[in-house]
Amino acid sequence: MNLFGRNSSHRRAQPSAATPVATAAPVARATAVLPDPDLAGLTGEWLIDPAHSRIGFSVRHAMVTTVRGAFSEYESRLYFDGRDPARSRADIVLYTASVDTGVEQRDAHLIGRQFLDAGAHPRMTFTSTAVQLLGEDVYRMTGDLTIKDIARPVDLELTYIGHVIDAFGDERVGFDGTTTINRSDWGLTYDARLAQGGAMVSEKVRLQFDIAAIRAT
């Protein structure tokens, strides 16, 4: 992806002896980030491949360790426009009961009423509202994240990894994305405290999207 700088210059008549010389103002330089023309061929519909993707999270636990988990069941519909990234979009539905941190007791706590409340809120969703090309292979996708029927905007930073034709003849594209949210903004208000006064589970949660998508059209 290319960065182009443009400036304009103007021919000036030479001043006469009677004409005062004014100091020229500096010419402003405008820069624009343009999409890589090689990505135009990737324009189209894509589906996330769950077998080779991970939609997960990490959160500080007891102030000294990090717990990581992921959602194993989800649906997706992606549209990538290599010519005009602003036209790209994403819709992802995650099933809250599919959360997996590797510890059965902890997973049961997470899908309970103190956290995701999967019985009352079986789905959480992300729906994009805008996409911006920030630089070479880097995009900002803004969208509405809905958890427990609370929708709030988030900015997801995405990095384009590459694309291949796999051994089965499927065309694949890869993106990595991340954002950090405050869980209490979505009603995840579990507030157990440590004896020393710190939080058992941090307010900040890092969301991670390691995406391998297969072309649908």
C-alpha atoms as a PDB file:
ATOM      1  CA  MET A   1       0.000   0.000   0.000  1.00  0.00           C
ATOM      2  CA  ASN A   2       1.351   3.327  -0.997  1.00  0.00           C
ATOM      3  CA  LEU A   3       1.738   6.687   0.605  1.00  0.00           C
ATOM      4  CA  PHE A   4       1.630   9.616  -1.771  1.00  0.00           C
ATOM      5  CA  GLY A   5       2.481  13.210  -0.985  1.00  0.00           C
ATOM      6  CA  ARG A   6       1.186  15.990  -3.200  1.00  0.00           C
ATOM      7  CA  ASN A   7       1.975  19.660  -3.270  1.00  0.00           C
ATOM      8  CA  SER A   8       1.204  22.394  -5.730  1.00  0.00           C
ATOM      9  CA  SER A   9       3.498  25.161  -6.941  1.00  0.00           C
ATOM     10  CA  HIS A  10       2.585  28.380  -8.705  1.00  0.00           C
ATOM     11  CA  ARG A  11       4.659  30.407 -11.157  1.00  0.00           C
ATOM     12  CA  ARG A  12       5.148  33.933  -9.916  1.00  0.00           C
ATOM     13  CA  ALA A  13       6.120  37.011 -11.912  1.00  0.00           C
ATOM     14  CA  GLN A  14       9.418  38.542 -10.876  1.00  0.00           C
ATOM     15  CA  PRO A  15       8.725  41.553  -8.648  1.00  0.00           C
ATOM     16  CA  SER A  16       9.611  44.970  -9.978  1.00  0.00           C
ATOM     17  CA  ALA A  17      11.695  47.371  -8.006  1.00  0.00           C
ATOM     18  CA  ALA A  18       8.547  49.224  -6.974  1.00  0.00           C
ATOM     19  CA  THR A  19       6.772  46.079  -5.830  1.00  0.00           C
ATOM     20  CA  PRO A  20       7.413  44.981  -2.239  1.00  0.00           C
ATOM     21  CA  VAL A  21       8.452  41.375  -1.889  1.00  0.00           C
ATOM     22  CA  ALA A  22       6.100  39.377   0.332  1.00  0.00           C
ATOM     23  CA  THR A  23       7.287  36.305   2.164  1.00  0.00           C
ATOM     24  CA  ALA A  24       5.658  33.254   0.601  1.00  0.00           C
ATOM     25  CA  ALA A  25       3.617  31.092   2.908  1.00  0.00           C
ATOM     26  CA  PRO A  26       4.802  27.493   3.131  1.00  0.00           C
ATOM     27  CA  VAL A  27       3.003  25.147   0.785  1.00  0.00           C
ATOM     28  CA  ALA A  28       0.955  22.557   2.693  1.00  0.00           C
ATOM     29  CA  ARG A  29       1.629  18.929   1.912  1.00  0.00           C
ATOM     30  CA  ALA A  30      -1.346  16.595   1.893  1.00  0.00           C
ATOM     31  CA  THR A  31      -0.803  12.903   2.319  1.00  0.00           C
ATOM     32  CA  ALA A  32      -3.277  10.168   1.613  1.00  0.00           C
ATOM     33  CA  VAL A  33      -3.170   6.476   2.329  1.00  0.00           C
ATOM     34  CA  LEU A  34      -4.221   4.586  -0.759  1.00  0.00           C
ATOM     35  CA  PRO A  35      -5.130   0.895  -0.957  1.00  0.00           C
ATOM     36  CA  ASP A  36      -2.689  -1.522  -2.524  1.00  0.00           C
ATOM     37  CA  PRO A  37      -3.993  -2.210  -6.069  1.00  0.00           C
ATOM     38  CA  ASP A  38      -2.906  -5.847  -5.674  1.00  0.00           C
ATOM     39  CA  LEU A  39      -5.728  -6.299  -3.132  1.00  0.00           C
ATOM     40  CA  ALA A  40      -8.461  -5.420  -5.636  1.00  0.00           C
ATOM     41  CA  GLY A  41      -8.731  -9.102  -6.553  1.00  0.00           C
ATOM     42  CA  LEU A  42      -9.734  -9.942  -2.975  1.00  0.00           C
ATOM     43  CA  THR A  43     -12.951  -7.942  -3.200  1.00  0.00           C
ATOM     44  CA  GLY A  44     -15.935 -10.123  -2.325  1.00  0.00           C
ATOM     45  CA  GLU A  45     -17.727 -12.116   0.376  1.00  0.00           C
ATOM     46  CA  TRP A  46     -15.779 -14.204   2.896  1.00  0.00           C
ATOM     47  CA  LEU A  47     -16.613 -16.577   5.754  1.00  0.00           C
ATOM     48  CA  ILE A  48     -14.491 -17.138   8.852  1.00  0.00           C
ATOM     49  CA  ASP A  49     -13.071 -20.663   9.012  1.00  0.00           C
ATOM     50  CA  PRO A  50     -13.593 -21.749  12.660  1.00  0.00           C
ATOM     51  CA  ALA A  51     -11.072 -24.589  12.362  1.00  0.00           C
ATOM     52  CA  HIS A  52      -8.252 -22.139  11.681  1.00  0.00           C
ATOM     53  CA  SER A  53      -9.438 -19.007  13.501  1.00  0.00           C
ATOM     54  CA  ARG A  54      -9.716 -17.838  17.081  1.00  0.00           C
ATOM     55  CA  ILE A  55     -12.057 -15.230  18.516  1.00  0.00           C
ATOM     56  CA  GLY A  56     -10.945 -14.845  22.068  1.00  0.00           C
ATOM     57  CA  PHE A  57     -10.086 -12.648  25.014  1.00  0.00           C
ATOM     58  CA  SER A  58      -7.567 -12.193  27.784  1.00  0.00           C
ATOM     59  CA  VAL A  59      -8.088 -10.668  31.207  1.00  0.00           C
ATOM     60  CA  ARG A  60      -5.915 -10.090  34.255  1.00  0.00           C
ATOM     61  CA  HIS A  61      -6.794 -12.408  37.147  1.00  0.00           C
ATOM     62  CA  ALA A  62      -5.920 -11.734  40.793  1.00  0.00           C
ATOM     63  CA  MET A  63      -3.676  -8.894  39.558  1.00  0.00           C
ATOM     64  CA  VAL A  64      -0.786 -11.264  38.807  1.00  0.00           C
ATOM     65  CA  THR A  65      -1.833 -13.712  36.047  1.00  0.00           C
ATOM     66  CA  THR A  66      -3.632 -13.580  32.710  1.00  0.00           C
ATOM     67  CA  VAL A  67      -6.548 -15.862  31.864  1.00  0.00           C
ATOM     68  CA  ARG A  68      -7.222 -16.525  28.178  1.00  0.00           C
ATOM     69  CA  GLY A  69     -10.333 -17.897  26.595  1.00  0.00           C
ATOM     70  CA  ALA A  70     -12.190 -18.130  23.297  1.00  0.00           C
ATOM     71  CA  PHE A  71     -15.629 -18.726  21.804  1.00  0.00           C
ATOM     72  CA  SER A  72     -15.818 -21.981  19.864  1.00  0.00           C
ATOM     73  CA  GLU A  73     -19.201 -21.390  18.191  1.00  0.00           C
ATOM     74  CA  TYR A  74     -19.946 -18.397  16.000  1.00  0.00           C
ATOM     75  CA  GLU A  75     -21.311 -17.303  12.642  1.00  0.00           C
ATOM     76  CA  SER A  76     -19.868 -14.678  10.331  1.00  0.00           C
ATOM     77  CA  ARG A  77     -20.415 -12.731   7.157  1.00  0.00           C
ATOM     78  CA  LEU A  78     -17.553 -10.594   5.872  1.00  0.00           C
ATOM     79  CA  TYR A  79     -17.212  -8.351   2.842  1.00  0.00           C
ATOM     80  CA  PHE A  80     -13.778  -7.039   1.930  1.00  0.00           C
ATOM     81  CA  ASP A  81     -13.368  -4.348  -0.720  1.00  0.00           C
ATOM     82  CA  GLY A  82      -9.753  -4.157  -1.837  1.00  0.00           C
ATOM     83  CA  ARG A  83     -10.430  -1.164  -4.076  1.00  0.00           C
ATOM     84  CA  ASP A  84     -12.280   0.896  -1.484  1.00  0.00           C
ATOM     85  CA  PRO A  85     -11.722  -0.390   2.089  1.00  0.00           C
ATOM     86  CA  ALA A  86     -14.399   1.980   3.417  1.00  0.00           C
ATOM     87  CA  ARG A  87     -16.986  -0.268   1.741  1.00  0.00           C
ATOM     88  CA  SER A  88     -15.823  -3.324   3.703  1.00  0.00           C
ATOM     89  CA  ARG A  89     -18.020  -4.683   6.481  1.00  0.00           C
ATOM     90  CA  ALA A  90     -18.322  -7.482   9.017  1.00  0.00           C
ATOM     91  CA  ASP A  91     -21.103  -9.182  10.951  1.00  0.00           C
ATOM     92  CA  ILE A  92     -20.174 -11.744  13.624  1.00  0.00           C
ATOM     93  CA  VAL A  93     -22.460 -13.618  16.015  1.00  0.00           C
ATOM     94  CA  LEU A  94     -20.849 -15.450  18.951  1.00  0.00           C
ATOM     95  CA  TYR A  95     -22.701 -17.948  21.124  1.00  0.00           C
ATOM     96  CA  THR A  96     -21.938 -17.092  24.740  1.00  0.00           C
ATOM     97  CA  ALA A  97     -22.382 -20.639  26.067  1.00  0.00           C
ATOM     98  CA  SER A  98     -19.448 -21.758  23.898  1.00  0.00           C
ATOM     99  CA  VAL A  99     -16.868 -19.842  25.961  1.00  0.00           C
ATOM    100  CA  ASP A 100     -13.851 -22.002  26.745  1.00  0.00           C
ATOM    101  CA  THR A 101     -10.990 -21.103  29.078  1.00  0.00           C
ATOM    102  CA  GLY A 102      -9.832 -24.665  29.642  1.00  0.00           C
ATOM    103  CA  VAL A 103     -11.301 -24.872  33.156  1.00  0.00           C
ATOM    104  CA  GLU A 104     -14.857 -26.238  33.378  1.00  0.00           C
ATOM    105  CA  GLN A 105     -15.698 -24.567  36.694  1.00  0.00           C
ATOM    106  CA  ARG A 106     -14.508 -21.185  35.447  1.00  0.00           C
ATOM    107  CA  ASP A 107     -16.463 -21.553  32.206  1.00  0.00           C
ATOM    108  CA  ALA A 108     -19.612 -22.284  34.207  1.00  0.00           C
ATOM    109  CA  HIS A 109     -19.018 -19.075  36.162  1.00  0.00           C
ATOM    110  CA  LEU A 110     -18.518 -17.052  32.973  1.00  0.00           C
ATOM    111  CA  ILE A 111     -21.778 -18.185  31.386  1.00  0.00           C
ATOM    112  CA  GLY A 112     -23.662 -17.550  34.635  1.00  0.00           C
ATOM    113  CA  ARG A 113     -25.568 -14.433  35.669  1.00  0.00           C
ATOM    114  CA  GLN A 114     -22.544 -12.638  37.118  1.00  0.00           C
ATOM    115  CA  PHE A 115     -20.929 -12.495  33.685  1.00  0.00           C
ATOM    116  CA  LEU A 116     -22.382 -13.406  30.265  1.00  0.00           C
ATOM    117  CA  ASP A 117     -25.702 -14.823  31.510  1.00  0.00           C
ATOM    118  CA  ALA A 118     -25.922 -17.191  28.557  1.00  0.00           C
ATOM    119  CA  GLY A 119     -29.397 -18.403  29.547  1.00  0.00           C
ATOM    120  CA  ALA A 120     -30.912 -14.957  29.045  1.00  0.00           C
ATOM    121  CA  HIS A 121     -28.419 -13.681  26.459  1.00  0.00           C
ATOM    122  CA  PRO A 122     -27.310 -16.575  24.255  1.00  0.00           C
ATOM    123  CA  ARG A 123     -25.623 -14.375  21.664  1.00  0.00           C
ATOM    124  CA  MET A 124     -23.201 -11.488  21.520  1.00  0.00           C
ATOM    125  CA  THR A 125     -22.621  -9.655  18.243  1.00  0.00           C
ATOM    126  CA  PHE A 126     -20.249  -7.344  16.426  1.00  0.00           C
ATOM    127  CA  THR A 127     -21.549  -5.303  13.479  1.00  0.00           C
ATOM    128  CA  SER A 128     -19.186  -2.954  11.689  1.00  0.00           C
ATOM    129  CA  THR A 129     -20.198   0.629  10.954  1.00  0.00           C
ATOM    130  CA  ALA A 130     -17.051   2.042   9.304  1.00  0.00           C
ATOM    131  CA  VAL A 131     -13.662   0.924   7.981  1.00  0.00           C
ATOM    132  CA  GLN A 132     -10.617   3.130   7.510  1.00  0.00           C
ATOM    133  CA  LEU A 133      -7.231   2.346   5.969  1.00  0.00           C
ATOM    134  CA  LEU A 134      -4.603   3.626   8.425  1.00  0.00           C
ATOM    135  CA  GLY A 135      -1.402   2.557   6.742  1.00  0.00           C
ATOM    136  CA  GLU A 136       0.288  -0.312   4.994  1.00  0.00           C
ATOM    137  CA  ASP A 137      -1.803  -3.407   5.752  1.00  0.00           C
ATOM    138  CA  VAL A 138      -3.428  -1.752   8.805  1.00  0.00           C
ATOM    139  CA  TYR A 139      -7.143  -0.912   9.087  1.00  0.00           C
ATOM    140  CA  ARG A 140      -9.433   0.508  11.748  1.00  0.00           C
ATOM    141  CA  MET A 141     -12.845  -1.143  11.841  1.00  0.00           C
ATOM    142  CA  THR A 142     -15.406   0.670  13.975  1.00  0.00           C
ATOM    143  CA  GLY A 143     -18.502  -1.245  14.979  1.00  0.00           C
ATOM    144  CA  ASP A 144     -21.168  -1.916  17.566  1.00  0.00           C
ATOM    145  CA  LEU A 145     -20.361  -4.638  20.092  1.00  0.00           C
ATOM    146  CA  THR A 146     -23.498  -5.989  21.770  1.00  0.00           C
ATOM    147  CA  ILE A 147     -23.253  -7.979  25.011  1.00  0.00           C
ATOM    148  CA  LYS A 148     -26.282  -8.665  27.242  1.00  0.00           C
ATOM    149  CA  ASP A 149     -28.385  -6.468  24.920  1.00  0.00           C
ATOM    150  CA  ILE A 150     -26.063  -3.483  25.529  1.00  0.00           C
ATOM    151  CA  ALA A 151     -24.600  -2.068  22.305  1.00  0.00           C
ATOM    152  CA  ARG A 152     -21.534   0.182  22.441  1.00  0.00           C
ATOM    153  CA  PRO A 153     -19.072   1.280  19.749  1.00  0.00           C
ATOM    154  CA  VAL A 154     -15.563  -0.133  19.667  1.00  0.00           C
ATOM    155  CA  ASP A 155     -12.554   0.418  17.410  1.00  0.00           C
ATOM    156  CA  LEU A 156     -10.883  -2.750  16.192  1.00  0.00           C
ATOM    157  CA  GLU A 157      -7.379  -2.470  14.740  1.00  0.00           C
ATOM    158  CA  LEU A 158      -6.872  -5.048  12.008  1.00  0.00           C
ATOM    159  CA  THR A 159      -3.654  -6.124  10.304  1.00  0.00           C
ATOM    160  CA  TYR A 160      -3.786  -7.838   6.924  1.00  0.00           C
ATOM    161  CA  ILE A 161      -1.623 -10.981   7.052  1.00  0.00           C
ATOM    162  CA  GLY A 162      -1.869 -12.257   3.486  1.00  0.00           C
ATOM    163  CA  HIS A 163      -3.785 -14.565   1.170  1.00  0.00           C
ATOM    164  CA  VAL A 164      -3.179 -17.998  -0.390  1.00  0.00           C
ATOM    165  CA  ILE A 165      -4.823 -20.779  -2.359  1.00  0.00           C
ATOM    166  CA  ASP A 166      -4.813 -23.781  -0.020  1.00  0.00           C
ATOM    167  CA  ALA A 167      -4.342 -27.471  -0.815  1.00  0.00           C
ATOM    168  CA  PHE A 168      -8.090 -27.880  -1.397  1.00  0.00           C
ATOM    169  CA  GLY A 169      -8.266 -25.033  -3.883  1.00  0.00           C
ATOM    170  CA  ASP A 170      -9.954 -22.618  -1.472  1.00  0.00           C
ATOM    171  CA  GLU A 171      -8.839 -19.008  -1.460  1.00  0.00           C
ATOM    172  CA  ARG A 172      -7.927 -17.864   2.048  1.00  0.00           C
ATOM    173  CA  VAL A 173      -7.199 -14.476   3.558  1.00  0.00           C
ATOM    174  CA  GLY A 174      -5.842 -13.699   7.029  1.00  0.00           C
ATOM    175  CA  PHE A 175      -6.347 -10.800   9.439  1.00  0.00           C
ATOM    176  CA  ASP A 176      -5.345 -10.242  13.055  1.00  0.00           C
ATOM    177  CA  GLY A 177      -7.331  -7.786  15.157  1.00  0.00           C
ATOM    178  CA  THR A 178      -7.461  -6.513  18.699  1.00  0.00           C
ATOM    179  CA  THR A 179      -9.249  -4.029  20.914  1.00  0.00           C
ATOM    180  CA  THR A 180      -9.574  -3.430  24.661  1.00  0.00           C
ATOM    181  CA  ILE A 181     -12.885  -2.828  26.411  1.00  0.00           C
ATOM    182  CA  ASN A 182     -14.071  -2.064  29.920  1.00  0.00           C
ATOM    183  CA  ARG A 183     -16.339  -5.002  30.800  1.00  0.00           C
ATOM    184  CA  SER A 184     -18.565  -3.015  33.165  1.00  0.00           C
ATOM    185  CA  ASP A 185     -19.698  -0.884  30.188  1.00  0.00           C
ATOM    186  CA  TRP A 186     -21.568  -3.990  29.016  1.00  0.00           C
ATOM    187  CA  GLY A 187     -23.034  -4.938  32.374  1.00  0.00           C
ATOM    188  CA  LEU A 188     -20.322  -7.447  33.297  1.00  0.00           C
ATOM    189  CA  THR A 189     -20.040  -6.054  36.811  1.00  0.00           C
ATOM    190  CA  TYR A 190     -18.628  -8.944  38.826  1.00  0.00           C
ATOM    191  CA  ASP A 191     -16.626  -7.185  41.560  1.00  0.00           C
ATOM    192  CA  ALA A 192     -14.976  -9.688  43.888  1.00  0.00           C
ATOM    193  CA  ARG A 193     -12.020  -8.113  45.709  1.00  0.00           C
ATOM    194  CA  LEU A 194      -8.760  -9.491  46.966  1.00  0.00           C
ATOM    195  CA  ALA A 195      -7.750  -9.217  50.609  1.00  0.00           C
ATOM    196  CA  GLN A 196      -5.154  -6.650  49.554  1.00  0.00           C
ATOM    197  CA  GLY A 197      -7.907  -4.549  47.979  1.00  0.00           C
ATOM    198  CA  GLY A 198      -7.349  -5.249  44.277  1.00  0.00           C
ATOM    199  CA  ALA A 199      -9.870  -6.712  41.860  1.00  0.00           C
ATOM    200  CA  MET A 200     -10.096 -10.462  41.389  1.00  0.00           C
ATOM    201  CA  VAL A 201     -10.882  -9.872  37.690  1.00  0.00           C
ATOM    202  CA  SER A 202      -9.659  -6.722  35.942  1.00  0.00           C
ATOM    203  CA  GLU A 203     -12.102  -4.302  34.382  1.00  0.00           C
ATOM    204  CA  LYS A 204     -10.120  -4.221  31.150  1.00  0.00           C
ATOM    205  CA  VAL A 205     -10.588  -7.119  28.747  1.00  0.00           C
ATOM    206  CA  ARG A 206      -8.530  -7.514  25.584  1.00  0.00           C
ATOM    207  CA  LEU A 207     -10.459  -8.980  22.647  1.00  0.00           C
ATOM    208  CA  GLN A 208      -8.489 -10.840  19.990  1.00  0.00           C
ATOM    209  CA  PHE A 209      -9.548 -11.784  16.467  1.00  0.00           C
ATOM    210  CA  ASP A 210      -7.196 -14.189  14.660  1.00  0.00           C
ATOM    211  CA  ILE A 211      -9.085 -14.643  11.430  1.00  0.00           C
ATOM    212  CA  ALA A 212      -8.630 -17.049   8.545  1.00  0.00           C
ATOM    213  CA  ALA A 213     -11.476 -16.512   6.089  1.00  0.00           C
ATOM    214  CA  ILE A 214     -12.484 -18.502   2.986  1.00  0.00           C
ATOM    215  CA  ARG A 215     -13.915 -16.826  -0.066  1.00  0.00           C
ATOM    216  CA  ALA A 216     -17.670 -17.324  -0.360  1.00  0.00           C
ATOM    217  CA  THR A 217     -18.154 -15.514  -3.704  1.00  0.00           C
END
